[in-house]
Amino acid sequence: MLHRNLIGQRLLALCLLGWLLFNYPLLALFGGAGDWFGLPAIYAYLFIAWALLIVLMAWVAEQRPDRQRRTAPAQRGHQATVAGGSVSSD
């Protein structure tokens, strides 16, 4: 549950970053600039910012729970359950 909350907060932060990237002050910087990679600067900026947001959102959405949760079952010890009882395999 905590992991989902963290992912939601990170996605919200990325949404705010996208809002900032595609809003007036930054777009105005690239409106009259020259060419980037043979394209008008505004088009290159929009494509790069859009691609960056997609990559960051995919990275956040695909993150796994923290390392402690993934390794917790392995650290519980080597125990096997046999016919209703617990037997240590040490």
N, C-alpha and C. Protein backbone atom coordinates (compact mmCIF):
# COMPACT_ATOMS: atom_id res chain seq x y z
N MET A 1 0.83 -1.19 0.00
CA MET A 1 0.00 0.00 0.00
C MET A 1 0.87 1.25 0.00
N LEU A 2 1.92 1.23 0.82
CA LEU A 2 2.81 2.37 0.90
C LEU A 2 3.52 2.58 -0.44
N HIS A 3 3.85 1.49 -1.11
CA HIS A 3 4.53 1.59 -2.41
C HIS A 3 3.64 2.26 -3.44
N ARG A 4 2.35 1.93 -3.46
CA ARG A 4 1.42 2.56 -4.40
C ARG A 4 1.29 4.05 -4.14
N ASN A 5 1.29 4.43 -2.86
CA ASN A 5 1.20 5.83 -2.50
C ASN A 5 2.43 6.58 -2.99
N LEU A 6 3.60 5.96 -2.86
CA LEU A 6 4.83 6.58 -3.31
C LEU A 6 4.83 6.74 -4.83
N ILE A 7 4.37 5.73 -5.54
CA ILE A 7 4.29 5.82 -7.00
C ILE A 7 3.33 6.94 -7.40
N GLY A 8 2.20 7.04 -6.72
CA GLY A 8 1.24 8.11 -7.02
C GLY A 8 1.83 9.49 -6.80
N GLN A 9 2.61 9.64 -5.74
CA GLN A 9 3.24 10.93 -5.47
C GLN A 9 4.28 11.26 -6.54
N ARG A 10 5.03 10.27 -6.96
CA ARG A 10 6.04 10.51 -8.00
C ARG A 10 5.38 10.84 -9.34
N LEU A 11 4.29 10.17 -9.67
CA LEU A 11 3.60 10.48 -10.91
C LEU A 11 2.98 11.87 -10.88
N LEU A 12 2.48 12.27 -9.73
CA LEU A 12 1.96 13.63 -9.57
C LEU A 12 3.08 14.66 -9.76
N ALA A 13 4.25 14.39 -9.21
CA ALA A 13 5.39 15.28 -9.39
C ALA A 13 5.79 15.37 -10.86
N LEU A 14 5.73 14.24 -11.58
CA LEU A 14 6.04 14.26 -13.00
C LEU A 14 4.98 15.03 -13.79
N CYS A 15 3.75 14.96 -13.36
CA CYS A 15 2.68 15.73 -14.00
C CYS A 15 2.94 17.22 -13.84
N LEU A 16 3.34 17.61 -12.64
CA LEU A 16 3.68 19.02 -12.41
C LEU A 16 4.90 19.44 -13.23
N LEU A 17 5.87 18.55 -13.36
CA LEU A 17 7.03 18.84 -14.20
C LEU A 17 6.60 19.04 -15.65
N GLY A 18 5.71 18.19 -16.13
CA GLY A 18 5.19 18.35 -17.49
C GLY A 18 4.46 19.66 -17.66
N TRP A 19 3.69 20.04 -16.66
CA TRP A 19 2.98 21.32 -16.72
C TRP A 19 3.98 22.46 -16.83
N LEU A 20 5.06 22.40 -16.07
CA LEU A 20 6.08 23.44 -16.15
C LEU A 20 6.80 23.44 -17.49
N LEU A 21 7.12 22.25 -17.99
CA LEU A 21 7.85 22.16 -19.26
C LEU A 21 7.05 22.68 -20.45
N PHE A 22 5.73 22.50 -20.41
CA PHE A 22 4.90 22.88 -21.55
C PHE A 22 4.11 24.15 -21.31
N ASN A 23 4.58 25.00 -20.41
CA ASN A 23 3.90 26.24 -20.12
C ASN A 23 4.69 27.42 -20.67
N TYR A 24 4.12 28.60 -20.58
CA TYR A 24 4.63 29.80 -21.23
C TYR A 24 6.12 30.11 -21.03
N PRO A 25 6.64 30.21 -19.83
CA PRO A 25 8.02 30.72 -19.73
C PRO A 25 9.04 29.88 -20.50
N LEU A 26 8.94 28.57 -20.39
CA LEU A 26 9.93 27.74 -21.10
C LEU A 26 9.64 27.67 -22.60
N LEU A 27 8.39 27.63 -22.98
CA LEU A 27 8.08 27.60 -24.41
C LEU A 27 8.52 28.88 -25.10
N ALA A 28 8.43 30.01 -24.40
CA ALA A 28 8.83 31.29 -24.98
C ALA A 28 10.34 31.34 -25.23
N LEU A 29 11.11 30.61 -24.42
CA LEU A 29 12.56 30.58 -24.63
C LEU A 29 12.94 29.96 -25.96
N PHE A 30 12.17 28.99 -26.41
CA PHE A 30 12.50 28.26 -27.62
C PHE A 30 11.71 28.72 -28.84
N GLY A 31 10.80 29.66 -28.67
CA GLY A 31 9.96 30.12 -29.76
C GLY A 31 10.72 30.79 -30.89
N GLY A 32 11.69 31.62 -30.58
CA GLY A 32 12.41 32.34 -31.62
C GLY A 32 13.83 31.87 -31.81
N ALA A 33 14.23 30.82 -31.10
CA ALA A 33 15.60 30.31 -31.22
C ALA A 33 15.82 29.69 -32.59
N GLY A 34 17.05 29.39 -32.90
CA GLY A 34 17.41 28.83 -34.21
C GLY A 34 16.94 27.41 -34.39
N ASP A 35 17.75 26.63 -35.08
CA ASP A 35 17.41 25.24 -35.37
C ASP A 35 18.20 24.29 -34.48
N TRP A 36 17.56 23.20 -34.11
CA TRP A 36 18.21 22.09 -33.41
C TRP A 36 18.04 20.86 -34.28
N PHE A 37 19.10 20.23 -34.61
CA PHE A 37 19.06 18.99 -35.39
C PHE A 37 18.28 19.16 -36.69
N GLY A 38 18.32 20.36 -37.25
CA GLY A 38 17.62 20.62 -38.51
C GLY A 38 16.14 20.93 -38.35
N LEU A 39 15.66 21.03 -37.13
CA LEU A 39 14.25 21.35 -36.86
C LEU A 39 14.19 22.69 -36.14
N PRO A 40 13.07 23.39 -36.27
CA PRO A 40 12.92 24.59 -35.44
C PRO A 40 13.05 24.21 -33.96
N ALA A 41 13.65 25.08 -33.18
CA ALA A 41 13.96 24.78 -31.78
C ALA A 41 12.72 24.42 -30.97
N ILE A 42 11.60 25.06 -31.26
CA ILE A 42 10.38 24.77 -30.49
C ILE A 42 9.92 23.33 -30.70
N TYR A 43 10.02 22.84 -31.94
CA TYR A 43 9.61 21.45 -32.22
C TYR A 43 10.56 20.47 -31.57
N ALA A 44 11.85 20.73 -31.65
CA ALA A 44 12.83 19.84 -31.03
C ALA A 44 12.64 19.82 -29.52
N TYR A 45 12.42 21.00 -28.92
CA TYR A 45 12.20 21.07 -27.47
C TYR A 45 10.95 20.30 -27.07
N LEU A 46 9.87 20.48 -27.79
CA LEU A 46 8.62 19.78 -27.46
C LEU A 46 8.79 18.27 -27.54
N PHE A 47 9.46 17.80 -28.59
CA PHE A 47 9.65 16.36 -28.75
C PHE A 47 10.55 15.81 -27.66
N ILE A 48 11.65 16.49 -27.34
CA ILE A 48 12.57 16.00 -26.32
C ILE A 48 11.92 16.01 -24.94
N ALA A 49 11.20 17.07 -24.60
CA ALA A 49 10.52 17.14 -23.30
C ALA A 49 9.44 16.08 -23.19
N TRP A 50 8.69 15.87 -24.27
CA TRP A 50 7.64 14.86 -24.29
C TRP A 50 8.23 13.46 -24.10
N ALA A 51 9.31 13.16 -24.84
CA ALA A 51 9.96 11.85 -24.73
C ALA A 51 10.54 11.64 -23.33
N LEU A 52 11.13 12.68 -22.76
CA LEU A 52 11.68 12.59 -21.42
C LEU A 52 10.59 12.27 -20.39
N LEU A 53 9.45 12.93 -20.49
CA LEU A 53 8.35 12.66 -19.57
C LEU A 53 7.84 11.22 -19.70
N ILE A 54 7.75 10.73 -20.91
CA ILE A 54 7.29 9.35 -21.12
C ILE A 54 8.27 8.36 -20.49
N VAL A 55 9.56 8.58 -20.69
CA VAL A 55 10.57 7.68 -20.12
C VAL A 55 10.52 7.73 -18.60
N LEU A 56 10.42 8.92 -18.03
CA LEU A 56 10.37 9.04 -16.57
C LEU A 56 9.11 8.40 -15.99
N MET A 57 7.97 8.57 -16.66
CA MET A 57 6.73 7.95 -16.16
C MET A 57 6.80 6.43 -16.26
N ALA A 58 7.38 5.91 -17.32
CA ALA A 58 7.53 4.46 -17.44
C ALA A 58 8.47 3.93 -16.36
N TRP A 59 9.53 4.65 -16.09
CA TRP A 59 10.48 4.23 -15.06
C TRP A 59 9.82 4.21 -13.68
N VAL A 60 9.04 5.23 -13.38
CA VAL A 60 8.36 5.29 -12.08
C VAL A 60 7.31 4.18 -11.98
N ALA A 61 6.55 3.97 -13.04
CA ALA A 61 5.48 2.98 -13.01
C ALA A 61 6.02 1.55 -12.92
N GLU A 62 7.19 1.29 -13.45
CA GLU A 62 7.75 -0.05 -13.46
C GLU A 62 8.65 -0.34 -12.28
N GLN A 63 8.86 0.61 -11.38
CA GLN A 63 9.70 0.36 -10.22
C GLN A 63 9.08 -0.69 -9.32
N ARG A 64 9.93 -1.50 -8.75
CA ARG A 64 9.47 -2.53 -7.83
C ARG A 64 9.54 -2.02 -6.41
N PRO A 65 8.89 -2.72 -5.49
CA PRO A 65 8.99 -2.31 -4.09
C PRO A 65 10.45 -2.27 -3.65
N ASP A 66 10.70 -1.55 -2.59
CA ASP A 66 12.08 -1.39 -2.16
C ASP A 66 12.76 -2.73 -1.89
N ARG A 67 14.05 -2.70 -1.84
CA ARG A 67 14.85 -3.91 -1.72
C ARG A 67 14.50 -4.71 -0.46
N GLN A 68 14.16 -4.04 0.60
CA GLN A 68 13.87 -4.71 1.86
C GLN A 68 12.66 -5.63 1.73
N ARG A 69 11.65 -5.20 0.99
CA ARG A 69 10.45 -6.05 0.82
C ARG A 69 10.75 -7.24 -0.07
N ARG A 70 11.60 -7.06 -1.09
CA ARG A 70 11.90 -8.17 -2.00
C ARG A 70 12.74 -9.24 -1.32
N THR A 71 13.62 -8.85 -0.40
CA THR A 71 14.50 -9.82 0.22
C THR A 71 13.97 -10.34 1.55
N ALA A 72 12.87 -9.80 2.04
CA ALA A 72 12.35 -10.21 3.34
C ALA A 72 12.04 -11.71 3.43
N PRO A 73 11.37 -12.34 2.45
CA PRO A 73 11.10 -13.77 2.58
C PRO A 73 12.37 -14.61 2.62
N ALA A 74 13.42 -14.21 1.95
CA ALA A 74 14.66 -14.97 1.94
C ALA A 74 15.39 -14.87 3.26
N GLN A 75 15.16 -13.83 4.03
CA GLN A 75 15.87 -13.64 5.29
C GLN A 75 15.16 -14.29 6.47
N ARG A 76 14.03 -14.88 6.26
CA ARG A 76 13.27 -15.47 7.36
C ARG A 76 13.91 -16.76 7.87
N GLY A 77 14.83 -17.32 7.16
CA GLY A 77 15.48 -18.56 7.59
C GLY A 77 15.11 -19.69 6.66
N HIS A 78 15.81 -20.78 6.84
CA HIS A 78 15.55 -21.95 6.00
C HIS A 78 14.67 -22.91 6.78
N GLN A 79 13.36 -22.75 6.66
CA GLN A 79 12.43 -23.63 7.35
C GLN A 79 11.51 -24.28 6.34
N ALA A 80 11.18 -25.50 6.60
CA ALA A 80 10.27 -26.21 5.74
C ALA A 80 9.10 -26.71 6.59
N THR A 81 7.92 -26.71 6.03
CA THR A 81 6.76 -27.18 6.76
C THR A 81 6.49 -28.63 6.34
N VAL A 82 6.44 -29.50 7.35
CA VAL A 82 6.21 -30.92 7.07
C VAL A 82 5.00 -31.38 7.88
N ALA A 83 3.94 -31.78 7.22
CA ALA A 83 2.73 -32.35 7.83
C ALA A 83 2.26 -31.55 9.04
N GLY A 84 2.10 -30.27 8.87
CA GLY A 84 1.55 -29.44 9.92
C GLY A 84 2.57 -28.96 10.93
N GLY A 85 3.79 -29.41 10.86
CA GLY A 85 4.82 -28.99 11.80
C GLY A 85 5.93 -28.25 11.07
N SER A 86 6.78 -27.58 11.80
CA SER A 86 7.86 -26.82 11.23
C SER A 86 9.17 -27.49 11.55
N VAL A 87 9.96 -27.76 10.53
CA VAL A 87 11.24 -28.43 10.73
C VAL A 87 12.33 -27.51 10.19
N SER A 88 13.36 -27.29 10.96
CA SER A 88 14.46 -26.45 10.52
C SER A 88 15.38 -27.25 9.62
N SER A 89 15.86 -26.66 8.56
CA SER A 89 16.72 -27.39 7.63
C SER A 89 18.19 -27.07 7.86
N ASP A 90 18.54 -26.51 9.01
CA ASP A 90 19.94 -26.17 9.30
C ASP A 90 20.78 -27.37 9.58
